[in-house]
C-alpha atoms as a PDB file:
ATOM      1  CA  MET A   1       0.000   0.000   0.000  1.00  0.00           C
ATOM      2  CA  ALA A   2       1.613   3.220  -1.147  1.00  0.00           C
ATOM      3  CA  TYR A   3       1.116   6.496   0.676  1.00  0.00           C
ATOM      4  CA  SER A   4       1.480  10.169  -0.115  1.00  0.00           C
ATOM      5  CA  MET A   5       1.552  13.012   2.383  1.00  0.00           C
ATOM      6  CA  TYR A   6      -0.465  16.216   2.044  1.00  0.00           C
ATOM      7  CA  ALA A   7       1.806  19.292   2.205  1.00  0.00           C
ATOM      8  CA  LEU A   8      -0.490  21.249   4.524  1.00  0.00           C
ATOM      9  CA  GLY A   9      -0.879  18.177   6.743  1.00  0.00           C
ATOM     10  CA  LYS A  10       2.896  17.895   7.070  1.00  0.00           C
ATOM     11  CA  GLN A  11       3.000  21.560   8.018  1.00  0.00           C
ATOM     12  CA  ALA A  12       0.357  20.936  10.714  1.00  0.00           C
ATOM     13  CA  LEU A  13       2.356  17.973  12.048  1.00  0.00           C
ATOM     14  CA  LEU A  14       5.231  20.361  12.661  1.00  0.00           C
ATOM     15  CA  GLY A  15       2.917  22.573  14.719  1.00  0.00           C
ATOM     16  CA  ALA A  16       0.007  21.808  16.983  1.00  0.00           C
ATOM     17  CA  MET A  17      -1.158  18.425  15.643  1.00  0.00           C
ATOM     18  CA  ASP A  18      -0.528  15.440  17.911  1.00  0.00           C
ATOM     19  CA  LEU A  19      -1.056  12.115  16.124  1.00  0.00           C
ATOM     20  CA  THR A  20      -1.409  10.113  19.327  1.00  0.00           C
ATOM     21  CA  ALA A  21      -3.609  12.540  21.315  1.00  0.00           C
ATOM     22  CA  ASP A  22      -5.812  13.985  18.538  1.00  0.00           C
ATOM     23  CA  THR A  23      -8.731  12.096  16.981  1.00  0.00           C
ATOM     24  CA  ILE A  24      -7.351  10.712  13.719  1.00  0.00           C
ATOM     25  CA  LYS A  25      -9.767   9.200  11.219  1.00  0.00           C
ATOM     26  CA  MET A  26      -9.590   7.244   7.983  1.00  0.00           C
ATOM     27  CA  GLN A  27     -12.149   7.500   5.191  1.00  0.00           C
ATOM     28  CA  LEU A  28     -12.402   5.128   2.235  1.00  0.00           C
ATOM     29  CA  VAL A  29     -12.814   7.005  -1.061  1.00  0.00           C
ATOM     30  CA  ASP A  30     -13.825   6.147  -4.600  1.00  0.00           C
ATOM     31  CA  GLY A  31     -12.304   7.197  -7.923  1.00  0.00           C
ATOM     32  CA  ASP A  32     -14.200  10.494  -7.966  1.00  0.00           C
ATOM     33  CA  TYR A  33     -11.561  11.900  -5.594  1.00  0.00           C
ATOM     34  CA  THR A  34      -8.306  13.027  -7.175  1.00  0.00           C
ATOM     35  CA  PRO A  35      -5.958  14.129  -4.389  1.00  0.00           C
ATOM     36  CA  ASN A  36      -4.123  17.431  -4.726  1.00  0.00           C
ATOM     37  CA  PHE A  37      -1.241  17.024  -2.304  1.00  0.00           C
ATOM     38  CA  THR A  38      -0.366  20.729  -2.466  1.00  0.00           C
ATOM     39  CA  THR A  39      -3.739  22.334  -1.729  1.00  0.00           C
ATOM     40  CA  ASP A  40      -6.135  19.731  -0.252  1.00  0.00           C
ATOM     41  CA  ASP A  41      -6.470  20.397   3.468  1.00  0.00           C
ATOM     42  CA  ALA A  42      -9.864  19.314   4.833  1.00  0.00           C
ATOM     43  CA  ALA A  43     -12.505  16.591   4.591  1.00  0.00           C
ATOM     44  CA  ALA A  44     -14.534  18.882   2.334  1.00  0.00           C
ATOM     45  CA  ASP A  45     -11.882  18.252  -0.351  1.00  0.00           C
ATOM     46  CA  PHE A  46     -12.995  14.607  -0.734  1.00  0.00           C
ATOM     47  CA  SER A  47     -16.687  15.247  -0.009  1.00  0.00           C
ATOM     48  CA  GLY A  48     -18.948  13.181  -2.260  1.00  0.00           C
ATOM     49  CA  SER A  49     -16.311  10.482  -2.769  1.00  0.00           C
ATOM     50  CA  GLU A  50     -16.781   8.723   0.571  1.00  0.00           C
ATOM     51  CA  VAL A  51     -17.482   4.989   0.675  1.00  0.00           C
ATOM     52  CA  GLY A  52     -18.797   3.798   4.025  1.00  0.00           C
ATOM     53  CA  THR A  53     -18.344   5.708   7.252  1.00  0.00           C
ATOM     54  CA  ALA A  54     -15.049   7.160   8.483  1.00  0.00           C
ATOM     55  CA  ALA A  55     -13.255   5.052  11.084  1.00  0.00           C
ATOM     56  CA  THR A  56     -11.443   6.466  14.102  1.00  0.00           C
ATOM     57  CA  LEU A  57      -7.933   5.006  14.305  1.00  0.00           C
ATOM     58  CA  ALA A  58      -7.145   3.182  17.547  1.00  0.00           C
ATOM     59  CA  SER A  59      -3.923   2.152  19.302  1.00  0.00           C
ATOM     60  CA  LYS A  60      -2.010   4.981  17.623  1.00  0.00           C
ATOM     61  CA  THR A  61       1.749   5.174  18.079  1.00  0.00           C
ATOM     62  CA  VAL A  62       4.614   7.309  16.855  1.00  0.00           C
ATOM     63  CA  ALA A  63       8.077   5.820  17.164  1.00  0.00           C
ATOM     64  CA  LEU A  64      11.242   6.953  15.393  1.00  0.00           C
ATOM     65  CA  GLY A  65       9.153   9.131  13.070  1.00  0.00           C
ATOM     66  CA  VAL A  66       6.796   6.305  12.037  1.00  0.00           C
ATOM     67  CA  PHE A  67       3.035   6.551  12.608  1.00  0.00           C
ATOM     68  CA  ASP A  68       1.074   3.349  13.145  1.00  0.00           C
ATOM     69  CA  ALA A  69      -2.355   2.274  14.372  1.00  0.00           C
ATOM     70  CA  ALA A  70      -4.470  -0.836  14.703  1.00  0.00           C
ATOM     71  CA  ASP A  71      -5.886  -2.361  11.536  1.00  0.00           C
ATOM     72  CA  VAL A  72      -9.348  -1.054  10.623  1.00  0.00           C
ATOM     73  CA  THR A  73     -12.529  -2.997   9.858  1.00  0.00           C
ATOM     74  CA  TYR A  74     -15.335  -1.284   7.947  1.00  0.00           C
ATOM     75  CA  SER A  75     -18.558  -3.248   8.489  1.00  0.00           C
ATOM     76  CA  ALA A  76     -21.051  -4.195   5.768  1.00  0.00           C
ATOM     77  CA  VAL A  77     -19.680  -1.830   3.123  1.00  0.00           C
ATOM     78  CA  SER A  78     -21.598  -1.113  -0.062  1.00  0.00           C
ATOM     79  CA  GLY A  79     -21.226   1.576  -2.688  1.00  0.00           C
ATOM     80  CA  ASN A  80     -18.682   2.535  -5.331  1.00  0.00           C
ATOM     81  CA  VAL A  81     -15.327   0.840  -5.908  1.00  0.00           C
ATOM     82  CA  VAL A  82     -12.811   1.907  -3.251  1.00  0.00           C
ATOM     83  CA  VAL A  83      -9.500   3.146  -4.691  1.00  0.00           C
ATOM     84  CA  GLY A  84      -7.862   4.542  -1.559  1.00  0.00           C
ATOM     85  CA  ALA A  85      -8.263   6.079   1.868  1.00  0.00           C
ATOM     86  CA  VAL A  86      -7.604   9.463   3.410  1.00  0.00           C
ATOM     87  CA  ILE A  87      -6.162   9.758   6.911  1.00  0.00           C
ATOM     88  CA  TYR A  88      -7.019  13.063   8.559  1.00  0.00           C
ATOM     89  CA  LYS A  89      -7.373  14.861  11.863  1.00  0.00           C
ATOM     90  CA  ASP A  90     -11.046  15.028  12.818  1.00  0.00           C
ATOM     91  CA  ALA A  91     -12.243  18.561  12.015  1.00  0.00           C
ATOM     92  CA  GLY A  92      -8.735  19.347  10.832  1.00  0.00           C
ATOM     93  CA  ASN A  93      -6.038  18.719   8.255  1.00  0.00           C
ATOM     94  CA  LEU A  94      -5.707  15.906   5.730  1.00  0.00           C
ATOM     95  CA  ILE A  95      -2.537  14.015   6.571  1.00  0.00           C
ATOM     96  CA  CYS A  96      -1.976  11.081   4.270  1.00  0.00           C
ATOM     97  CA  TYR A  97      -3.545   9.349   1.261  1.00  0.00           C
ATOM     98  CA  LEU A  98      -3.291   5.572   0.980  1.00  0.00           C
ATOM     99  CA  ASP A  99      -3.453   4.257  -2.569  1.00  0.00           C
ATOM    100  CA  PHE A 100      -4.303   0.581  -2.921  1.00  0.00           C
ATOM    101  CA  ALA A 101      -5.734  -1.966  -5.347  1.00  0.00           C
ATOM    102  CA  ASP A 102      -9.400  -1.417  -6.130  1.00  0.00           C
ATOM    103  CA  ILE A 103     -11.856  -2.990  -3.687  1.00  0.00           C
ATOM    104  CA  THR A 104     -15.405  -3.640  -4.871  1.00  0.00           C
ATOM    105  CA  PRO A 105     -17.807  -3.431  -1.915  1.00  0.00           C
ATOM    106  CA  ASN A 106     -20.363  -6.231  -1.785  1.00  0.00           C
ATOM    107  CA  GLY A 107     -22.024  -5.670   1.575  1.00  0.00           C
ATOM    108  CA  ASN A 108     -19.314  -7.547   3.477  1.00  0.00           C
ATOM    109  CA  ASP A 109     -16.647  -6.144   5.780  1.00  0.00           C
ATOM    110  CA  ILE A 110     -13.546  -4.446   4.367  1.00  0.00           C
ATOM    111  CA  ILE A 111     -10.456  -4.906   6.513  1.00  0.00           C
ATOM    112  CA  ILE A 112      -7.518  -2.554   6.010  1.00  0.00           C
ATOM    113  CA  GLN A 113      -4.342  -4.155   7.321  1.00  0.00           C
ATOM    114  CA  PHE A 114      -1.474  -1.744   7.766  1.00  0.00           C
ATOM    115  CA  ASP A 115       2.082  -2.730   6.948  1.00  0.00           C
ATOM    116  CA  ALA A 116       4.112  -4.078   9.865  1.00  0.00           C
ATOM    117  CA  ALA A 117       6.533  -1.181   9.341  1.00  0.00           C
ATOM    118  CA  GLY A 118       3.758   1.342  10.076  1.00  0.00           C
ATOM    119  CA  ILE A 119       1.349   3.497   8.089  1.00  0.00           C
ATOM    120  CA  PHE A 120       3.718   6.323   7.133  1.00  0.00           C
ATOM    121  CA  ALA A 121       7.098   7.762   8.080  1.00  0.00           C
ATOM    122  CA  MET A 122       8.143  11.366   8.419  1.00  0.00           C
END
């Protein structure tokens, strides 16, 4: 699973954002969302492309510049083909976009398993 960081999210990480204390969410998105890593900064930027309901990340850690969290299960997902996910601070900045192989929802659970090395590194 490849990731790309949003420029304004990186800027926020250098300031007041705290990945382990703040509420960090992940939203599955369909192909209608084309990330702009220079200007996208809020959930409104991917509005209309959501598949399922955003999940709050649990068991978050930051160690040696690597952010990680527990794997995420989205229950009974239906809707458009999922092409990626956006990680963002609730009511705040977009942080990271995860690009992965297309997933076609069929009403079953979708489980996102993060790499053992973590979700992203700074």
